[in-house]
Amino acid sequence: MDAIKILDKKEDLNWDYDEEADVLYISTGQPVPAVGLDVGDGVIVRYRQDTREFVGLTVIGVRQRCLTALSKEG
């Protein structure tokens, strides 16, 4: 399997948070068709299949992750 090109281009990152679902969506540039690769622990990397270029990231359970991290620091 070829490596996925992570942030090869320095485009603006866009993000959207779905509060009801507690999911953070991060993407680069304009939306494009992409393949999702579940890398575990509620994180999905999205990339263009033809160029293997990174186009986005989905993080499930962001609120809970933050609360857990903050409680460990306190």
PDB file of N, CA and C in Angstrom:
ATOM      1  N   MET A   1       0.842  -1.181   0.000  1.00  0.00           N
ATOM      2  CA  MET A   1       0.000   0.000   0.000  1.00  0.00           C
ATOM      3  C   MET A   1       0.883   1.239   0.000  1.00  0.00           C
ATOM      4  N   ASP A   2       0.607   2.155  -0.919  1.00  0.00           N
ATOM      5  CA  ASP A   2       1.354   3.413  -0.982  1.00  0.00           C
ATOM      6  C   ASP A   2       0.993   4.301   0.197  1.00  0.00           C
ATOM      7  N   ALA A   3       1.927   5.138   0.590  1.00  0.00           N
ATOM      8  CA  ALA A   3       1.692   6.072   1.688  1.00  0.00           C
ATOM      9  C   ALA A   3       0.686   7.135   1.272  1.00  0.00           C
ATOM     10  N   ILE A   4      -0.071   7.622   2.237  1.00  0.00           N
ATOM     11  CA  ILE A   4      -0.996   8.727   2.001  1.00  0.00           C
ATOM     12  C   ILE A   4      -0.221  10.020   2.190  1.00  0.00           C
ATOM     13  N   LYS A   5      -0.378  10.950   1.259  1.00  0.00           N
ATOM     14  CA  LYS A   5       0.333  12.229   1.319  1.00  0.00           C
ATOM     15  C   LYS A   5      -0.398  13.146   2.298  1.00  0.00           C
ATOM     16  N   ILE A   6       0.211  13.389   3.425  1.00  0.00           N
ATOM     17  CA  ILE A   6      -0.407  14.213   4.461  1.00  0.00           C
ATOM     18  C   ILE A   6      -0.006  15.668   4.278  1.00  0.00           C
ATOM     19  N   LEU A   7      -0.988  16.514   4.053  1.00  0.00           N
ATOM     20  CA  LEU A   7      -0.800  17.956   3.928  1.00  0.00           C
ATOM     21  C   LEU A   7       0.358  18.321   3.009  1.00  0.00           C
ATOM     22  N   ASP A   8       0.379  17.706   1.840  1.00  0.00           N
ATOM     23  CA  ASP A   8       1.393  18.004   0.828  1.00  0.00           C
ATOM     24  C   ASP A   8       1.294  19.463   0.381  1.00  0.00           C
ATOM     25  N   LYS A   9       0.062  19.962   0.297  1.00  0.00           N
ATOM     26  CA  LYS A   9      -0.179  21.357  -0.075  1.00  0.00           C
ATOM     27  C   LYS A   9      -0.617  22.110   1.174  1.00  0.00           C
ATOM     28  N   LYS A  10      -0.173  23.313   1.308  1.00  0.00           N
ATOM     29  CA  LYS A  10      -0.502  24.113   2.485  1.00  0.00           C
ATOM     30  C   LYS A  10      -1.802  24.897   2.257  1.00  0.00           C
ATOM     31  N   GLU A  11      -2.893  24.158   2.110  1.00  0.00           N
ATOM     32  CA  GLU A  11      -4.195  24.791   1.912  1.00  0.00           C
ATOM     33  C   GLU A  11      -4.808  25.130   3.263  1.00  0.00           C
ATOM     34  N   ASP A  12      -5.803  26.001   3.217  1.00  0.00           N
ATOM     35  CA  ASP A  12      -6.540  26.315   4.430  1.00  0.00           C
ATOM     36  C   ASP A  12      -7.271  25.078   4.919  1.00  0.00           C
ATOM     37  N   LEU A  13      -7.268  24.903   6.217  1.00  0.00           N
ATOM     38  CA  LEU A  13      -8.043  23.823   6.807  1.00  0.00           C
ATOM     39  C   LEU A  13      -9.417  24.360   7.160  1.00  0.00           C
ATOM     40  N   ASN A  14     -10.431  23.591   6.851  1.00  0.00           N
ATOM     41  CA  ASN A  14     -11.805  23.925   7.210  1.00  0.00           C
ATOM     42  C   ASN A  14     -12.269  22.909   8.239  1.00  0.00           C
ATOM     43  N   TRP A  15     -13.133  23.346   9.134  1.00  0.00           N
ATOM     44  CA  TRP A  15     -13.642  22.403  10.110  1.00  0.00           C
ATOM     45  C   TRP A  15     -15.107  22.672  10.399  1.00  0.00           C
ATOM     46  N   ASP A  16     -15.773  21.631  10.856  1.00  0.00           N
ATOM     47  CA  ASP A  16     -17.173  21.717  11.243  1.00  0.00           C
ATOM     48  C   ASP A  16     -17.367  20.748  12.403  1.00  0.00           C
ATOM     49  N   TYR A  17     -18.066  21.211  13.427  1.00  0.00           N
ATOM     50  CA  TYR A  17     -18.319  20.364  14.583  1.00  0.00           C
ATOM     51  C   TYR A  17     -19.807  20.097  14.681  1.00  0.00           C
ATOM     52  N   ASP A  18     -20.189  18.833  14.718  1.00  0.00           N
ATOM     53  CA  ASP A  18     -21.579  18.423  14.904  1.00  0.00           C
ATOM     54  C   ASP A  18     -21.760  18.154  16.393  1.00  0.00           C
ATOM     55  N   GLU A  19     -22.342  19.134  17.078  1.00  0.00           N
ATOM     56  CA  GLU A  19     -22.464  19.044  18.534  1.00  0.00           C
ATOM     57  C   GLU A  19     -23.346  17.874  18.962  1.00  0.00           C
ATOM     58  N   GLU A  20     -24.431  17.665  18.247  1.00  0.00           N
ATOM     59  CA  GLU A  20     -25.360  16.586  18.605  1.00  0.00           C
ATOM     60  C   GLU A  20     -24.687  15.212  18.505  1.00  0.00           C
ATOM     61  N   ALA A  21     -23.913  14.998  17.454  1.00  0.00           N
ATOM     62  CA  ALA A  21     -23.236  13.713  17.250  1.00  0.00           C
ATOM     63  C   ALA A  21     -21.861  13.674  17.914  1.00  0.00           C
ATOM     64  N   ASP A  22     -21.353  14.829  18.368  1.00  0.00           N
ATOM     65  CA  ASP A  22     -20.015  14.959  18.948  1.00  0.00           C
ATOM     66  C   ASP A  22     -18.943  14.455  17.979  1.00  0.00           C
ATOM     67  N   VAL A  23     -18.997  15.021  16.766  1.00  0.00           N
ATOM     68  CA  VAL A  23     -18.056  14.634  15.713  1.00  0.00           C
ATOM     69  C   VAL A  23     -17.429  15.895  15.121  1.00  0.00           C
ATOM     70  N   LEU A  24     -16.102  15.885  14.984  1.00  0.00           N
ATOM     71  CA  LEU A  24     -15.363  16.982  14.371  1.00  0.00           C
ATOM     72  C   LEU A  24     -14.914  16.551  12.981  1.00  0.00           C
ATOM     73  N   TYR A  25     -15.246  17.384  11.985  1.00  0.00           N
ATOM     74  CA  TYR A  25     -14.850  17.128  10.604  1.00  0.00           C
ATOM     75  C   TYR A  25     -13.821  18.182  10.207  1.00  0.00           C
ATOM     76  N   ILE A  26     -12.669  17.761   9.737  1.00  0.00           N
ATOM     77  CA  ILE A  26     -11.621  18.669   9.277  1.00  0.00           C
ATOM     78  C   ILE A  26     -11.339  18.328   7.822  1.00  0.00           C
ATOM     79  N   SER A  27     -11.249  19.364   6.967  1.00  0.00           N
ATOM     80  CA  SER A  27     -10.979  19.101   5.552  1.00  0.00           C
ATOM     81  C   SER A  27     -10.052  20.166   4.990  1.00  0.00           C
ATOM     82  N   THR A  28      -9.427  19.826   3.867  1.00  0.00           N
ATOM     83  CA  THR A  28      -8.558  20.763   3.163  1.00  0.00           C
ATOM     84  C   THR A  28      -9.210  21.127   1.844  1.00  0.00           C
ATOM     85  N   GLY A  29      -9.213  22.397   1.517  1.00  0.00           N
ATOM     86  CA  GLY A  29      -9.741  22.831   0.225  1.00  0.00           C
ATOM     87  C   GLY A  29     -11.215  22.520   0.040  1.00  0.00           C
ATOM     88  N   GLN A  30     -11.623  22.448  -1.211  1.00  0.00           N
ATOM     89  CA  GLN A  30     -13.011  22.171  -1.568  1.00  0.00           C
ATOM     90  C   GLN A  30     -13.314  20.682  -1.392  1.00  0.00           C
ATOM     91  N   PRO A  31     -14.579  20.349  -1.079  1.00  0.00           N
ATOM     92  CA  PRO A  31     -14.943  18.934  -0.938  1.00  0.00           C
ATOM     93  C   PRO A  31     -14.690  18.156  -2.231  1.00  0.00           C
ATOM     94  N   VAL A  32     -14.155  16.968  -2.094  1.00  0.00           N
ATOM     95  CA  VAL A  32     -13.901  16.071  -3.227  1.00  0.00           C
ATOM     96  C   VAL A  32     -14.291  14.653  -2.809  1.00  0.00           C
ATOM     97  N   PRO A  33     -14.599  13.798  -3.775  1.00  0.00           N
ATOM     98  CA  PRO A  33     -14.867  12.396  -3.432  1.00  0.00           C
ATOM     99  C   PRO A  33     -13.639  11.800  -2.744  1.00  0.00           C
ATOM    100  N   ALA A  34     -13.865  11.046  -1.683  1.00  0.00           N
ATOM    101  CA  ALA A  34     -12.740  10.522  -0.913  1.00  0.00           C
ATOM    102  C   ALA A  34     -13.061   9.152  -0.336  1.00  0.00           C
ATOM    103  N   VAL A  35     -12.004   8.464   0.036  1.00  0.00           N
ATOM    104  CA  VAL A  35     -12.095   7.174   0.708  1.00  0.00           C
ATOM    105  C   VAL A  35     -11.786   7.408   2.177  1.00  0.00           C
ATOM    106  N   GLY A  36     -12.543   6.761   3.057  1.00  0.00           N
ATOM    107  CA  GLY A  36     -12.279   6.866   4.480  1.00  0.00           C
ATOM    108  C   GLY A  36     -11.499   5.664   4.977  1.00  0.00           C
ATOM    109  N   LEU A  37     -10.468   5.921   5.764  1.00  0.00           N
ATOM    110  CA  LEU A  37      -9.653   4.859   6.347  1.00  0.00           C
ATOM    111  C   LEU A  37      -9.749   4.975   7.865  1.00  0.00           C
ATOM    112  N   ASP A  38     -10.380   3.997   8.492  1.00  0.00           N
ATOM    113  CA  ASP A  38     -10.527   3.988   9.943  1.00  0.00           C
ATOM    114  C   ASP A  38      -9.185   3.599  10.554  1.00  0.00           C
ATOM    115  N   VAL A  39      -8.549   4.561  11.222  1.00  0.00           N
ATOM    116  CA  VAL A  39      -7.244   4.298  11.825  1.00  0.00           C
ATOM    117  C   VAL A  39      -7.365   3.927  13.301  1.00  0.00           C
ATOM    118  N   GLY A  40      -8.587   3.757  13.753  1.00  0.00           N
ATOM    119  CA  GLY A  40      -8.831   3.320  15.118  1.00  0.00           C
ATOM    120  C   GLY A  40      -9.111   4.451  16.078  1.00  0.00           C
ATOM    121  N   ASP A  41      -9.669   4.082  17.214  1.00  0.00           N
ATOM    122  CA  ASP A  41      -9.946   5.021  18.302  1.00  0.00           C
ATOM    123  C   ASP A  41     -10.823   6.187  17.856  1.00  0.00           C
ATOM    124  N   GLY A  42     -11.764   5.934  16.933  1.00  0.00           N
ATOM    125  CA  GLY A  42     -12.702   6.960  16.515  1.00  0.00           C
ATOM    126  C   GLY A  42     -12.146   8.001  15.562  1.00  0.00           C
ATOM    127  N   VAL A  43     -11.057   7.680  14.881  1.00  0.00           N
ATOM    128  CA  VAL A  43     -10.446   8.620  13.939  1.00  0.00           C
ATOM    129  C   VAL A  43     -10.490   8.009  12.535  1.00  0.00           C
ATOM    130  N   ILE A  44     -10.994   8.788  11.589  1.00  0.00           N
ATOM    131  CA  ILE A  44     -11.079   8.356  10.196  1.00  0.00           C
ATOM    132  C   ILE A  44     -10.325   9.355   9.335  1.00  0.00           C
ATOM    133  N   VAL A  45      -9.355   8.869   8.583  1.00  0.00           N
ATOM    134  CA  VAL A  45      -8.584   9.696   7.653  1.00  0.00           C
ATOM    135  C   VAL A  45      -9.258   9.592   6.295  1.00  0.00           C
ATOM    136  N   ARG A  46      -9.492  10.735   5.647  1.00  0.00           N
ATOM    137  CA  ARG A  46     -10.099  10.731   4.314  1.00  0.00           C
ATOM    138  C   ARG A  46      -9.042  11.157   3.303  1.00  0.00           C
ATOM    139  N   TYR A  47      -8.989  10.430   2.182  1.00  0.00           N
ATOM    140  CA  TYR A  47      -8.000  10.738   1.149  1.00  0.00           C
ATOM    141  C   TYR A  47      -8.565  10.433  -0.226  1.00  0.00           C
ATOM    142  N   ARG A  48      -8.005  11.118  -1.228  1.00  0.00           N
ATOM    143  CA  ARG A  48      -8.392  10.864  -2.621  1.00  0.00           C
ATOM    144  C   ARG A  48      -7.756   9.553  -3.048  1.00  0.00           C
ATOM    145  N   GLN A  49      -8.564   8.668  -3.581  1.00  0.00           N
ATOM    146  CA  GLN A  49      -8.044   7.361  -3.961  1.00  0.00           C
ATOM    147  C   GLN A  49      -7.079   7.451  -5.142  1.00  0.00           C
ATOM    148  N   ASP A  50      -7.342   8.367  -6.086  1.00  0.00           N
ATOM    149  CA  ASP A  50      -6.496   8.448  -7.282  1.00  0.00           C
ATOM    150  C   ASP A  50      -5.104   9.007  -6.994  1.00  0.00           C
ATOM    151  N   THR A  51      -5.011  10.005  -6.113  1.00  0.00           N
ATOM    152  CA  THR A  51      -3.717  10.640  -5.826  1.00  0.00           C
ATOM    153  C   THR A  51      -3.150  10.263  -4.456  1.00  0.00           C
ATOM    154  N   ARG A  52      -3.964   9.602  -3.638  1.00  0.00           N
ATOM    155  CA  ARG A  52      -3.608   9.243  -2.258  1.00  0.00           C
ATOM    156  C   ARG A  52      -3.296  10.488  -1.427  1.00  0.00           C
ATOM    157  N   GLU A  53      -3.904  11.594  -1.803  1.00  0.00           N
ATOM    158  CA  GLU A  53      -3.700  12.864  -1.110  1.00  0.00           C
ATOM    159  C   GLU A  53      -4.707  13.013   0.033  1.00  0.00           C
ATOM    160  N   PHE A  54      -4.216  13.396   1.200  1.00  0.00           N
ATOM    161  CA  PHE A  54      -5.052  13.645   2.373  1.00  0.00           C
ATOM    162  C   PHE A  54      -6.029  14.775   2.072  1.00  0.00           C
ATOM    163  N   VAL A  55      -7.320  14.552   2.361  1.00  0.00           N
ATOM    164  CA  VAL A  55      -8.305  15.612   2.157  1.00  0.00           C
ATOM    165  C   VAL A  55      -9.132  15.883   3.406  1.00  0.00           C
ATOM    166  N   GLY A  56      -8.996  15.053   4.428  1.00  0.00           N
ATOM    167  CA  GLY A  56      -9.773  15.328   5.615  1.00  0.00           C
ATOM    168  C   GLY A  56      -9.575  14.319   6.728  1.00  0.00           C
ATOM    169  N   LEU A  57     -10.189  14.662   7.846  1.00  0.00           N
ATOM    170  CA  LEU A  57     -10.080  13.857   9.051  1.00  0.00           C
ATOM    171  C   LEU A  57     -11.407  13.961   9.784  1.00  0.00           C
ATOM    172  N   THR A  58     -11.886  12.858  10.294  1.00  0.00           N
ATOM    173  CA  THR A  58     -13.092  12.846  11.107  1.00  0.00           C
ATOM    174  C   THR A  58     -12.711  12.300  12.475  1.00  0.00           C
ATOM    175  N   VAL A  59     -13.096  13.023  13.523  1.00  0.00           N
ATOM    176  CA  VAL A  59     -12.790  12.585  14.886  1.00  0.00           C
ATOM    177  C   VAL A  59     -14.109  12.441  15.634  1.00  0.00           C
ATOM    178  N   ILE A  60     -14.398  11.222  16.055  1.00  0.00           N
ATOM    179  CA  ILE A  60     -15.642  10.917  16.758  1.00  0.00           C
ATOM    180  C   ILE A  60     -15.396  11.008  18.259  1.00  0.00           C
ATOM    181  N   GLY A  61     -16.318  11.660  18.969  1.00  0.00           N
ATOM    182  CA  GLY A  61     -16.214  11.760  20.419  1.00  0.00           C
ATOM    183  C   GLY A  61     -15.270  12.843  20.904  1.00  0.00           C
ATOM    184  N   VAL A  62     -15.225  13.963  20.207  1.00  0.00           N
ATOM    185  CA  VAL A  62     -14.291  15.046  20.557  1.00  0.00           C
ATOM    186  C   VAL A  62     -14.559  15.600  21.958  1.00  0.00           C
ATOM    187  N   ARG A  63     -15.806  15.851  22.274  1.00  0.00           N
ATOM    188  CA  ARG A  63     -16.137  16.421  23.588  1.00  0.00           C
ATOM    189  C   ARG A  63     -15.624  15.507  24.701  1.00  0.00           C
ATOM    190  N   GLN A  64     -15.921  14.222  24.595  1.00  0.00           N
ATOM    191  CA  GLN A  64     -15.498  13.282  25.630  1.00  0.00           C
ATOM    192  C   GLN A  64     -13.981  13.185  25.712  1.00  0.00           C
ATOM    193  N   ARG A  65     -13.304  13.231  24.574  1.00  0.00           N
ATOM    194  CA  ARG A  65     -11.836  13.193  24.570  1.00  0.00           C
ATOM    195  C   ARG A  65     -11.267  14.392  25.327  1.00  0.00           C
ATOM    196  N   CYS A  66     -11.832  15.565  25.074  1.00  0.00           N
ATOM    197  CA  CYS A  66     -11.359  16.784  25.745  1.00  0.00           C
ATOM    198  C   CYS A  66     -11.616  16.715  27.246  1.00  0.00           C
ATOM    199  N   LEU A  67     -12.815  16.288  27.634  1.00  0.00           N
ATOM    200  CA  LEU A  67     -13.135  16.184  29.057  1.00  0.00           C
ATOM    201  C   LEU A  67     -12.214  15.187  29.757  1.00  0.00           C
ATOM    202  N   THR A  68     -11.943  14.071  29.108  1.00  0.00           N
ATOM    203  CA  THR A  68     -11.050  13.066  29.683  1.00  0.00           C
ATOM    204  C   THR A  68      -9.637  13.624  29.840  1.00  0.00           C
ATOM    205  N   ALA A  69      -9.136  14.298  28.818  1.00  0.00           N
ATOM    206  CA  ALA A  69      -7.787  14.872  28.873  1.00  0.00           C
ATOM    207  C   ALA A  69      -7.690  15.938  29.961  1.00  0.00           C
ATOM    208  N   LEU A  70      -8.709  16.786  30.065  1.00  0.00           N
ATOM    209  CA  LEU A  70      -8.691  17.842  31.075  1.00  0.00           C
ATOM    210  C   LEU A  70      -8.771  17.271  32.487  1.00  0.00           C
ATOM    211  N   SER A  71      -9.546  16.213  32.676  1.00  0.00           N
ATOM    212  CA  SER A  71      -9.664  15.620  34.013  1.00  0.00           C
ATOM    213  C   SER A  71      -8.352  14.961  34.446  1.00  0.00           C
ATOM    214  N   LYS A  72      -7.565  14.479  33.493  1.00  0.00           N
ATOM    215  CA  LYS A  72      -6.273  13.874  33.819  1.00  0.00           C
ATOM    216  C   LYS A  72      -5.255  14.931  34.222  1.00  0.00           C
ATOM    217  N   GLU A  73      -5.397  16.149  33.678  1.00  0.00           N
ATOM    218  CA  GLU A  73      -4.470  17.237  34.008  1.00  0.00           C
ATOM    219  C   GLU A  73      -4.773  17.839  35.363  1.00  0.00           C
ATOM    220  N   GLY A  74      -6.044  17.820  35.759  1.00  0.00           N
ATOM    221  CA  GLY A  74      -6.475  18.482  36.978  1.00  0.00           C
ATOM    222  C   GLY A  74      -6.203  17.675  38.177  1.00  0.00           C
TER     223      GLY A  74
END
